[in-house]
Amino acid sequence: MDITSSGRQTSQSSIRLIKIMECLANSGTPMRLRDIAKFVGTTQSTVLRYLYAMEDAKYVYQDKETSRYALTWRICALSEKLNTSLGLRNITNSFVIQLANTFSLGACLVIEGNSEGIYLDCIDSPNSPTLQRIGKKAPLHATGSGKILLSRLSDRELTNYLSEIGLEKYTANTITDPAVLRKELEKVRRLDYAIDDEECEIGLRCISCPIRDYTGQIIAAMSMFGSTADLTDDRAHTSIYPALRAATDTISSRLGFS
């Protein structure tokens, strides 16, 4: 490990991997092993170890006729996800602020990452826009936004989620029975919105609506949240839901959904 000028430790292995990826990305055509090694400044055998690992992960392929290496389109998928996330927040931020100010409640934008909800944007309340939730994670099965994101899964994908992640209990209201969760998600799909009724945190209620892209796929959820006293069931359905739905419909339209 080396110490950089900023005091951080850097791994030579990580640097080599980055250099190999940059080398392949900057090349207009598949490259020979020796040319990659020359660019990186190490031996061909060392580069080959990295290429094998990247090939196993589907980020690199070798042309069988020429034996040259190139990046796969999987690297583009990562870039597309990043662009989608950053672009999405730019589109939605004004809606998050407006909803929070209008109802004096919290408002947030949540996406899925590694089977968890990730706060891409959030205002806890218009009086205290600390944005402390941004970047933090939340369980999918115990939050309104999470249920929206789970509702897009196929039966097989949901089964895998239940097997790998499970249904941890956070409060007495948390859904911990897979059969009950499946019924809840059927309801979410039918109504096209979701409620978290003190399922993740006692005293906190949430209502969420989906955001769709041009393909019709759910890519995010927007939510309004607050105390059970501020976000009563009647208020959630009579005033907050229509405004939240109008916001998510407008955002989806801007993303090409019709």
Protein backbone atom coordinates (compact mmCIF):
# COMPACT_ATOMS: atom_id res chain seq x y z
CA MET A 1 0.00 0.00 0.00
CA ASP A 2 1.18 3.55 -0.78
CA ILE A 3 0.36 6.78 1.02
CA THR A 4 -0.90 9.52 -1.29
CA SER A 5 -0.39 13.24 -0.77
CA SER A 6 -3.86 13.39 0.79
CA GLY A 7 -2.86 10.80 3.36
CA ARG A 8 -5.03 8.02 1.97
CA GLN A 9 -3.71 4.53 1.37
CA THR A 10 -3.92 3.31 -2.22
CA SER A 11 -3.55 -0.21 -3.52
CA GLN A 12 -1.28 -0.85 -6.50
CA SER A 13 -3.65 -3.64 -7.51
CA SER A 14 -6.58 -1.21 -7.64
CA ILE A 15 -4.54 1.31 -9.63
CA ARG A 16 -3.52 -1.36 -12.16
CA LEU A 17 -7.13 -2.46 -12.56
CA ILE A 18 -8.24 1.13 -13.18
CA LYS A 19 -5.42 1.66 -15.69
CA ILE A 20 -6.38 -1.49 -17.59
CA MET A 21 -10.01 -0.39 -17.77
CA GLU A 22 -9.02 3.10 -18.90
CA CYS A 23 -6.66 1.62 -21.50
CA LEU A 24 -9.40 -0.57 -22.97
CA ALA A 25 -11.98 2.23 -22.78
CA ASN A 26 -9.75 4.71 -24.60
CA SER A 27 -8.85 2.24 -27.33
CA GLY A 28 -11.12 2.32 -30.33
CA THR A 29 -10.52 -1.35 -31.06
CA PRO A 30 -9.72 -4.56 -29.12
CA MET A 31 -6.13 -4.57 -27.84
CA ARG A 32 -3.27 -7.06 -27.75
CA LEU A 33 -2.09 -8.26 -24.35
CA ARG A 34 1.41 -6.88 -24.84
CA ASP A 35 0.06 -3.42 -25.71
CA ILE A 36 -2.09 -3.34 -22.58
CA ALA A 37 0.90 -4.43 -20.47
CA LYS A 38 3.05 -1.70 -22.03
CA PHE A 39 0.44 0.96 -21.27
CA VAL A 40 -0.01 -0.19 -17.67
CA GLY A 41 3.73 -0.60 -17.15
CA THR A 42 3.76 -4.15 -15.88
CA THR A 43 4.26 -7.70 -17.15
CA GLN A 44 1.92 -9.52 -19.50
CA SER A 45 1.37 -12.27 -16.93
CA THR A 46 0.23 -9.70 -14.36
CA VAL A 47 -2.18 -8.05 -16.80
CA LEU A 48 -3.51 -11.45 -17.81
CA ARG A 49 -4.56 -12.19 -14.23
CA TYR A 50 -6.63 -9.01 -14.16
CA LEU A 51 -8.12 -9.73 -17.58
CA TYR A 52 -9.16 -13.22 -16.50
CA ALA A 53 -10.91 -11.79 -13.44
CA MET A 54 -12.65 -9.11 -15.51
CA GLU A 55 -13.63 -11.70 -18.08
CA ASP A 56 -15.18 -13.88 -15.37
CA ALA A 57 -17.14 -10.83 -14.17
CA LYS A 58 -18.33 -10.18 -17.76
CA TYR A 59 -16.62 -6.78 -18.02
CA VAL A 60 -14.06 -7.92 -20.60
CA TYR A 61 -14.17 -10.33 -23.50
CA GLN A 62 -11.46 -11.85 -25.68
CA ASP A 63 -11.91 -12.05 -29.43
CA LYS A 64 -11.24 -15.73 -30.19
CA GLU A 65 -9.95 -15.02 -33.69
CA THR A 66 -7.49 -12.25 -32.84
CA SER A 67 -6.93 -13.02 -29.12
CA ARG A 68 -7.38 -9.31 -28.43
CA TYR A 69 -9.29 -7.89 -25.45
CA ALA A 70 -12.05 -5.30 -25.17
CA LEU A 71 -14.60 -4.05 -22.64
CA THR A 72 -18.13 -5.43 -22.81
CA TRP A 73 -21.31 -3.34 -22.76
CA ARG A 74 -21.72 -4.20 -19.08
CA ILE A 75 -19.48 -1.25 -18.22
CA CYS A 76 -21.93 0.96 -20.11
CA ALA A 77 -24.75 -0.34 -17.91
CA LEU A 78 -22.95 1.03 -14.85
CA SER A 79 -22.56 4.38 -16.54
CA GLU A 80 -26.21 4.40 -17.55
CA LYS A 81 -27.31 3.70 -13.97
CA LEU A 82 -25.14 6.54 -12.70
CA ASN A 83 -26.45 8.96 -15.32
CA THR A 84 -30.02 7.91 -14.57
CA SER A 85 -29.57 8.46 -10.84
CA LEU A 86 -27.91 11.85 -11.16
CA GLY A 87 -30.30 13.04 -13.85
CA LEU A 88 -33.29 11.81 -11.89
CA ARG A 89 -32.43 13.88 -8.83
CA ASN A 90 -32.12 16.99 -10.98
CA ILE A 91 -35.62 16.41 -12.31
CA THR A 92 -37.23 15.51 -9.00
CA ASN A 93 -35.58 17.89 -6.51
CA SER A 94 -38.00 20.77 -7.06
CA PHE A 95 -40.94 18.41 -6.51
CA VAL A 96 -39.42 17.08 -3.28
CA ILE A 97 -39.00 20.63 -1.98
CA GLN A 98 -42.48 21.73 -3.08
CA LEU A 99 -44.22 18.74 -1.49
CA ALA A 100 -42.33 19.17 1.77
CA ASN A 101 -43.17 22.86 1.94
CA THR A 102 -46.82 22.42 0.95
CA PHE A 103 -47.63 19.82 3.57
CA SER A 104 -44.96 20.52 6.21
CA LEU A 105 -43.91 16.88 6.01
CA GLY A 106 -40.82 14.99 4.95
CA ALA A 107 -40.40 14.14 1.27
CA CYS A 108 -37.89 11.84 -0.35
CA LEU A 109 -36.77 10.08 -3.52
CA VAL A 110 -35.67 6.46 -3.17
CA ILE A 111 -34.00 4.07 -5.61
CA GLU A 112 -32.98 0.43 -5.20
CA GLY A 113 -29.40 -0.69 -4.77
CA ASN A 114 -28.20 -4.13 -3.70
CA SER A 115 -31.70 -5.09 -2.53
CA GLU A 116 -32.02 -2.03 -0.30
CA GLY A 117 -33.68 1.32 -0.63
CA ILE A 118 -31.24 4.23 -1.07
CA TYR A 119 -32.26 7.82 -0.38
CA LEU A 120 -31.26 9.79 -3.46
CA ASP A 121 -32.90 12.97 -2.21
CA CYS A 122 -34.66 13.82 1.05
CA ILE A 123 -35.95 16.70 3.14
CA ASP A 124 -36.90 15.65 6.65
CA SER A 125 -39.10 18.72 7.04
CA PRO A 126 -39.29 22.21 5.51
CA ASN A 127 -38.17 23.67 8.85
CA SER A 128 -35.08 21.47 9.03
CA PRO A 129 -33.80 20.55 5.53
CA THR A 130 -30.74 18.78 6.86
CA LEU A 131 -30.81 16.12 4.13
CA GLN A 132 -29.27 13.67 6.58
CA ARG A 133 -30.97 10.69 4.95
CA ILE A 134 -29.36 11.21 1.54
CA GLY A 135 -27.20 8.20 0.71
CA LYS A 136 -28.53 6.19 3.62
CA LYS A 137 -30.29 2.86 3.20
CA ALA A 138 -33.66 1.47 4.23
CA PRO A 139 -35.25 -2.00 4.15
CA LEU A 140 -37.49 -2.56 1.16
CA HIS A 141 -40.15 -4.65 2.87
CA ALA A 142 -40.69 -2.21 5.75
CA THR A 143 -41.03 1.09 3.89
CA GLY A 144 -43.56 2.52 1.47
CA SER A 145 -40.93 3.35 -1.14
CA GLY A 146 -39.43 -0.10 -0.68
CA LYS A 147 -42.76 -1.80 -1.34
CA ILE A 148 -43.07 0.21 -4.55
CA LEU A 149 -39.64 -1.02 -5.65
CA LEU A 150 -40.41 -4.62 -4.64
CA SER A 151 -43.67 -4.54 -6.58
CA ARG A 152 -41.75 -4.49 -9.85
CA LEU A 153 -40.11 -7.85 -9.14
CA SER A 154 -41.24 -11.06 -10.81
CA ASP A 155 -42.35 -13.95 -8.61
CA ARG A 156 -38.96 -15.62 -9.02
CA GLU A 157 -37.07 -12.41 -8.25
CA LEU A 158 -39.18 -11.88 -5.14
CA THR A 159 -38.52 -15.44 -4.03
CA ASN A 160 -34.78 -14.83 -4.40
CA TYR A 161 -35.08 -11.59 -2.44
CA LEU A 162 -36.90 -13.36 0.40
CA SER A 163 -34.30 -16.11 0.43
CA GLU A 164 -31.27 -13.82 0.37
CA ILE A 165 -32.44 -10.82 2.39
CA GLY A 166 -35.26 -12.12 4.56
CA LEU A 167 -37.89 -10.08 6.38
CA GLU A 168 -36.30 -8.53 9.43
CA LYS A 169 -38.67 -7.24 12.09
CA TYR A 170 -38.32 -3.54 13.00
CA THR A 171 -41.61 -2.90 14.79
CA ALA A 172 -44.73 -4.82 15.74
CA ASN A 173 -46.21 -3.74 12.39
CA THR A 174 -43.36 -4.98 10.17
CA ILE A 175 -44.41 -7.61 7.65
CA THR A 176 -42.36 -10.72 8.41
CA ASP A 177 -44.51 -13.37 6.69
CA PRO A 178 -43.64 -13.91 2.99
CA ALA A 179 -47.26 -14.75 2.16
CA VAL A 180 -48.47 -11.53 3.76
CA LEU A 181 -45.83 -9.53 1.87
CA ARG A 182 -46.90 -11.09 -1.43
CA LYS A 183 -50.50 -10.05 -0.73
CA GLU A 184 -49.35 -6.56 0.21
CA LEU A 185 -47.41 -6.23 -3.06
CA GLU A 186 -50.44 -7.39 -5.04
CA LYS A 187 -52.35 -4.54 -3.38
CA VAL A 188 -49.55 -2.10 -4.22
CA ARG A 189 -49.63 -3.13 -7.87
CA ARG A 190 -53.42 -2.77 -7.97
CA LEU A 191 -53.55 0.64 -6.27
CA ASP A 192 -50.22 1.88 -7.67
CA TYR A 193 -49.17 3.36 -4.34
CA ALA A 194 -47.91 2.02 -1.01
CA ILE A 195 -48.31 2.79 2.68
CA ASP A 196 -45.84 2.24 5.51
CA ASP A 197 -47.88 2.29 8.72
CA GLU A 198 -45.24 2.36 11.47
CA GLU A 199 -43.60 -0.70 9.89
CA CYS A 200 -40.04 0.61 9.97
CA GLU A 201 -40.23 3.07 12.83
CA ILE A 202 -42.85 3.50 15.54
CA GLY A 203 -44.73 6.77 15.20
CA LEU A 204 -43.79 7.26 11.53
CA ARG A 205 -46.17 6.83 8.60
CA CYS A 206 -45.37 7.10 4.88
CA ILE A 207 -47.17 7.10 1.54
CA SER A 208 -45.28 6.40 -1.70
CA CYS A 209 -45.91 6.49 -5.44
CA PRO A 210 -43.83 5.02 -8.29
CA ILE A 211 -41.74 6.85 -10.88
CA ARG A 212 -41.51 5.14 -14.27
CA ASP A 213 -39.15 5.61 -17.19
CA TYR A 214 -39.90 5.57 -20.91
CA THR A 215 -40.13 1.76 -20.92
CA GLY A 216 -42.78 1.75 -18.20
CA GLN A 217 -40.42 0.23 -15.65
CA ILE A 218 -40.48 1.51 -12.07
CA ILE A 219 -37.08 3.10 -11.45
CA ALA A 220 -37.73 4.98 -8.21
CA ALA A 221 -40.32 5.90 -5.61
CA MET A 222 -41.25 9.27 -4.18
CA SER A 223 -42.62 9.41 -0.66
CA MET A 224 -44.17 11.74 1.88
CA PHE A 225 -43.57 10.87 5.51
CA GLY A 226 -44.32 12.22 8.96
CA SER A 227 -45.64 11.38 12.39
CA THR A 228 -48.87 9.42 12.63
CA ALA A 229 -50.46 12.56 14.10
CA ASP A 230 -49.43 14.71 11.11
CA LEU A 231 -49.96 12.06 8.46
CA THR A 232 -53.36 10.65 9.34
CA ASP A 233 -54.97 8.06 7.13
CA ASP A 234 -57.63 10.55 6.04
CA ARG A 235 -55.09 13.26 5.19
CA ALA A 236 -52.89 10.78 3.36
CA HIS A 237 -55.70 9.78 0.99
CA THR A 238 -57.66 13.01 0.58
CA SER A 239 -54.93 15.63 0.13
CA ILE A 240 -51.41 14.20 0.13
CA TYR A 241 -51.93 11.30 -2.27
CA PRO A 242 -53.39 13.45 -5.10
CA ALA A 243 -50.47 15.89 -4.89
CA LEU A 244 -47.88 13.13 -4.66
CA ARG A 245 -49.47 11.28 -7.57
CA ALA A 246 -49.51 14.44 -9.70
CA ALA A 247 -45.80 14.97 -8.97
CA THR A 248 -44.74 11.41 -9.82
CA ASP A 249 -46.91 11.38 -12.94
CA THR A 250 -45.27 14.60 -14.13
CA ILE A 251 -41.78 13.24 -13.41
CA SER A 252 -42.58 9.97 -15.21
CA SER A 253 -43.85 11.97 -18.19
CA ARG A 254 -40.59 13.93 -18.31
CA LEU A 255 -38.75 10.60 -18.36
CA GLY A 256 -40.75 9.58 -21.43
CA PHE A 257 -43.49 7.49 -19.82
CA SER A 258 -46.96 7.91 -21.25
